[in-house]
């Protein structure tokens, strides 16, 4: 029989009952001991009211002390038997009794179930690799976007170097120049075409008309 100082292995019992049997028994022991202590105090209080010529105080104290010692001794002996019986018989889960979670573990999986499980694991591994690849691509794209935003912010803040700003301004001027020339060429070609229409003789185009038509077509295509 294990002594009260030893800590029993009650993990399965604790899962089954929802509490530790040893802690439960210890609570019962403390409750009974408190009741005995209160009873002895009440007895001593009543005996102290007996006239001293009938029961002298020293005899009463000696009797109460002896009664306490005998009561504690009997209680310890009796409760030790009670504790042993409860922990080893009443609140001891038999070996053939299993928790629902353990019952599932006793069922052996078939070869088909194992193959399905392995296939699911491989699928999850492939999905994990794809997810890591996509995260890496997104991270690269975010880095590129961040770089572009930083360059734009530099333009807005005027932090670009003089050479960089000069290159940008030159590119802008070229774009405006090309756009302006294209517009002027298209307008002049349209005017030349209108004037040349009056020079048409019997459906034959004159050289100015041919030139105006060609220039107007080229400017329209641009």
Protein backbone atom coordinates (compact mmCIF):
# COMPACT_ATOMS: atom_id res chain seq x y z
CA UNK A 1 0.00 0.00 0.00
CA UNK A 2 1.39 3.38 -1.02
CA UNK A 3 1.97 5.95 1.68
CA UNK A 4 0.25 9.31 1.69
CA UNK A 5 3.55 11.05 0.83
CA UNK A 6 3.78 9.26 -2.53
CA UNK A 7 2.06 10.75 -5.54
CA UNK A 8 0.11 8.01 -7.38
CA UNK A 9 -0.18 7.87 -11.15
CA UNK A 10 -3.79 8.93 -11.64
CA UNK A 11 -3.66 10.45 -15.11
CA UNK A 12 -6.19 8.02 -16.57
CA UNK A 13 -8.49 8.28 -13.55
CA UNK A 14 -8.30 12.07 -13.71
CA UNK A 15 -9.30 12.02 -17.39
CA UNK A 16 -12.11 9.54 -16.70
CA UNK A 17 -13.67 11.20 -13.61
CA UNK A 18 -12.68 14.77 -14.38
CA UNK A 19 -10.79 15.17 -11.08
CA UNK A 20 -7.94 13.55 -9.17
CA UNK A 21 -9.08 10.76 -6.79
CA UNK A 22 -6.26 11.56 -4.34
CA UNK A 23 -7.26 15.22 -4.15
CA UNK A 24 -10.87 14.16 -3.62
CA UNK A 25 -9.93 11.81 -0.75
CA UNK A 26 -7.70 14.49 0.79
CA UNK A 27 -10.65 16.89 0.77
CA UNK A 28 -12.86 14.34 2.51
CA UNK A 29 -10.15 13.74 5.13
CA UNK A 30 -9.78 17.43 5.87
CA UNK A 31 -13.56 17.83 6.18
CA UNK A 32 -13.87 14.95 8.67
CA UNK A 33 -10.88 16.17 10.67
CA UNK A 34 -12.39 19.67 10.94
CA UNK A 35 -15.69 18.21 12.19
CA UNK A 36 -13.87 16.12 14.82
CA UNK A 37 -11.91 19.16 15.95
CA UNK A 38 -15.12 21.21 16.32
CA UNK A 39 -16.79 18.36 18.22
CA UNK A 40 -13.88 18.08 20.67
CA UNK A 41 -13.99 21.85 21.28
CA UNK A 42 -17.73 21.70 21.95
CA UNK A 43 -17.22 18.80 24.37
CA UNK A 44 -14.51 20.67 26.21
CA UNK A 45 -16.76 23.74 26.44
CA UNK A 46 -19.61 21.71 27.96
CA UNK A 47 -17.34 19.96 30.46
CA UNK A 48 -15.93 23.29 31.59
CA UNK A 49 -19.42 24.21 32.81
CA UNK A 50 -19.50 21.27 35.22
CA UNK A 51 -18.88 22.38 38.82
CA UNK A 52 -15.25 22.08 39.77
CA UNK A 53 -16.06 20.04 42.89
CA UNK A 54 -17.52 17.41 40.60
CA UNK A 55 -14.98 17.64 37.79
CA UNK A 56 -11.76 19.42 38.65
CA UNK A 57 -10.24 21.48 35.81
CA UNK A 58 -6.96 19.56 35.75
CA UNK A 59 -8.78 16.24 35.41
CA UNK A 60 -10.95 17.68 32.66
CA UNK A 61 -7.91 18.96 30.71
CA UNK A 62 -6.14 15.63 31.11
CA UNK A 63 -9.22 13.71 29.93
CA UNK A 64 -9.74 16.02 26.94
CA UNK A 65 -6.09 15.64 25.97
CA UNK A 66 -6.22 11.85 26.18
CA UNK A 67 -9.48 11.81 24.21
CA UNK A 68 -7.99 13.97 21.47
CA UNK A 69 -4.94 11.73 21.15
CA UNK A 70 -7.04 8.57 20.98
CA UNK A 71 -9.47 10.14 18.52
CA UNK A 72 -6.66 11.28 16.23
CA UNK A 73 -5.06 7.84 16.39
CA UNK A 74 -8.31 6.01 15.59
CA UNK A 75 -9.15 8.50 12.85
CA UNK A 76 -5.76 8.10 11.14
CA UNK A 77 -6.01 4.30 11.25
CA UNK A 78 -9.61 4.18 10.04
CA UNK A 79 -9.16 6.76 7.32
CA UNK A 80 -6.04 5.01 6.02
CA UNK A 81 -8.15 1.94 5.31
CA UNK A 82 -10.87 4.09 3.78
CA UNK A 83 -8.35 5.90 1.54
CA UNK A 84 -6.77 2.66 0.37
CA UNK A 85 -10.15 1.11 -0.46
CA UNK A 86 -11.37 4.18 -2.38
CA UNK A 87 -8.18 4.67 -4.42
CA UNK A 88 -7.58 1.01 -5.21
CA UNK A 89 -11.13 -0.21 -5.72
CA UNK A 90 -13.81 2.46 -5.88
CA UNK A 91 -12.06 5.11 -8.01
CA UNK A 92 -9.59 2.88 -9.85
CA UNK A 93 -10.39 2.57 -13.56
CA UNK A 94 -10.11 -1.09 -14.63
CA UNK A 95 -7.66 -1.94 -17.38
CA UNK A 96 -10.43 -3.05 -19.76
CA UNK A 97 -12.22 0.31 -19.54
CA UNK A 98 -11.09 2.74 -22.23
CA UNK A 99 -11.85 6.37 -22.88
CA UNK A 100 -13.57 7.20 -26.20
CA UNK A 101 -10.34 8.73 -27.52
CA UNK A 102 -8.42 5.56 -26.68
CA UNK A 103 -11.04 3.35 -28.32
CA UNK A 104 -10.37 5.12 -31.63
CA UNK A 105 -6.65 4.46 -31.27
CA UNK A 106 -7.22 0.70 -30.80
CA UNK A 107 -8.80 0.47 -34.26
CA UNK A 108 -6.14 -0.41 -36.82
CA UNK A 109 -6.25 1.42 -40.14
CA UNK A 110 -6.43 -0.61 -43.34
CA UNK A 111 -3.89 -0.42 -46.17
CA UNK A 112 -6.38 1.54 -48.31
CA UNK A 113 -6.89 4.10 -45.55
CA UNK A 114 -3.14 4.47 -45.14
CA UNK A 115 -2.68 5.00 -48.88
CA UNK A 116 -5.40 7.65 -48.88
CA UNK A 117 -3.75 9.34 -45.91
CA UNK A 118 -0.35 9.31 -47.61
CA UNK A 119 -1.90 10.73 -50.78
CA UNK A 120 -3.51 13.53 -48.78
CA UNK A 121 -0.18 14.29 -47.12
CA UNK A 122 1.58 14.49 -50.50
CA UNK A 123 -1.16 16.78 -51.84
CA UNK A 124 -0.77 19.06 -48.83
CA UNK A 125 3.00 19.11 -49.32
CA UNK A 126 2.57 20.17 -52.98
CA UNK A 127 0.10 22.86 -51.94
CA UNK A 128 2.55 24.07 -49.34
CA UNK A 129 5.35 24.34 -51.93
CA UNK A 130 3.06 26.21 -54.31
CA UNK A 131 2.02 28.54 -51.55
CA UNK A 132 5.64 29.28 -50.67
CA UNK A 133 6.40 29.96 -54.36
CA UNK A 134 3.45 32.32 -54.69
CA UNK A 135 4.46 34.12 -51.52
CA UNK A 136 7.97 34.59 -52.91
CA UNK A 137 6.58 35.98 -56.21
CA UNK A 138 4.26 38.33 -54.40
CA UNK A 139 7.13 39.47 -52.21
CA UNK A 140 9.22 40.27 -55.31
CA UNK A 141 6.36 42.17 -56.92
CA UNK A 142 5.77 44.13 -53.74
CA UNK A 143 9.46 44.99 -53.68
CA UNK A 144 9.29 46.26 -57.28
CA UNK A 145 6.19 48.30 -56.53
CA UNK A 146 7.85 49.75 -53.47
CA UNK A 147 10.87 50.76 -55.56
CA UNK A 148 8.65 52.51 -58.13
CA UNK A 149 6.75 54.32 -55.40
CA UNK A 150 10.00 55.48 -53.84
CA UNK A 151 11.20 56.86 -57.20
CA UNK A 152 7.88 58.63 -57.69
CA UNK A 153 8.13 60.07 -54.21
CA UNK A 154 11.61 61.34 -55.02
CA UNK A 155 10.21 63.17 -58.05
CA UNK A 156 7.45 64.69 -55.92
CA UNK A 157 9.89 65.67 -53.19
CA UNK A 158 12.47 67.00 -55.68
CA UNK A 159 15.18 64.71 -54.38
CA UNK A 160 16.40 63.53 -57.79
CA UNK A 161 19.80 64.69 -58.97
CA UNK A 162 20.17 67.49 -61.50
CA UNK A 163 21.22 65.08 -64.25
CA UNK A 164 18.17 62.89 -63.62
CA UNK A 165 15.83 65.87 -63.66
CA UNK A 166 17.49 67.17 -66.85
CA UNK A 167 16.94 63.83 -68.59
CA UNK A 168 13.27 63.86 -67.58
CA UNK A 169 12.79 67.43 -68.82
CA UNK A 170 14.45 66.65 -72.16
CA UNK A 171 12.18 63.68 -72.63
CA UNK A 172 9.14 65.82 -71.87
CA UNK A 173 10.22 68.52 -74.35
CA UNK A 174 10.76 65.92 -77.09
CA UNK A 175 7.31 64.51 -76.50
CA UNK A 176 5.72 67.96 -76.65
CA UNK A 177 7.74 68.80 -79.82
CA UNK A 178 6.69 65.62 -81.60
CA UNK A 179 3.08 66.11 -80.58
CA UNK A 180 3.10 69.78 -81.76
CA UNK A 181 4.70 68.96 -85.14
CA UNK A 182 2.27 66.17 -85.77
CA UNK A 183 -0.68 68.45 -85.07
CA UNK A 184 0.65 71.27 -87.31
CA UNK A 185 1.48 68.85 -90.16
CA UNK A 186 -1.99 67.36 -90.02
CA UNK A 187 -3.64 70.81 -90.12
CA UNK A 188 -1.44 72.01 -93.06
CA UNK A 189 -2.12 68.84 -94.99
CA UNK A 190 -5.85 69.28 -94.50
CA UNK A 191 -5.67 72.86 -95.82
CA UNK A 192 -3.54 71.82 -98.81
CA UNK A 193 -5.99 69.06 -99.61
CA UNK A 194 -8.93 71.46 -99.53
CA UNK A 195 -7.17 73.91 -101.88
CA UNK A 196 -6.09 71.19 -104.29
CA UNK A 197 -9.66 69.99 -104.75
CA UNK A 198 -10.38 73.11 -106.82
CA UNK A 199 -7.56 72.21 -109.25
CA UNK A 200 -9.11 68.88 -110.29
CA UNK A 201 -9.77 68.81 -114.01
CA UNK A 202 -12.02 66.02 -115.41
CA UNK A 203 -11.11 63.51 -112.67
CA UNK A 204 -7.35 63.79 -113.19
CA UNK A 205 -5.32 64.73 -110.10
CA UNK A 206 -2.76 67.41 -110.47
CA UNK A 207 0.68 67.04 -108.89
CA UNK A 208 -0.22 69.36 -105.97
CA UNK A 209 -3.33 67.24 -105.35
CA UNK A 210 -1.29 64.03 -105.36
CA UNK A 211 1.18 65.53 -102.89
CA UNK A 212 -1.58 66.90 -100.64
CA UNK A 213 -3.41 63.56 -100.65
CA UNK A 214 -0.22 61.65 -99.69
CA UNK A 215 0.72 64.10 -96.92
CA UNK A 216 -2.81 64.11 -95.53
CA UNK A 217 -2.93 60.30 -95.50
CA UNK A 218 0.46 60.00 -93.75
CA UNK A 219 -0.44 62.61 -91.15
CA UNK A 220 -3.77 60.86 -90.50
CA UNK A 221 -2.03 57.49 -90.04
CA UNK A 222 0.32 59.03 -87.44
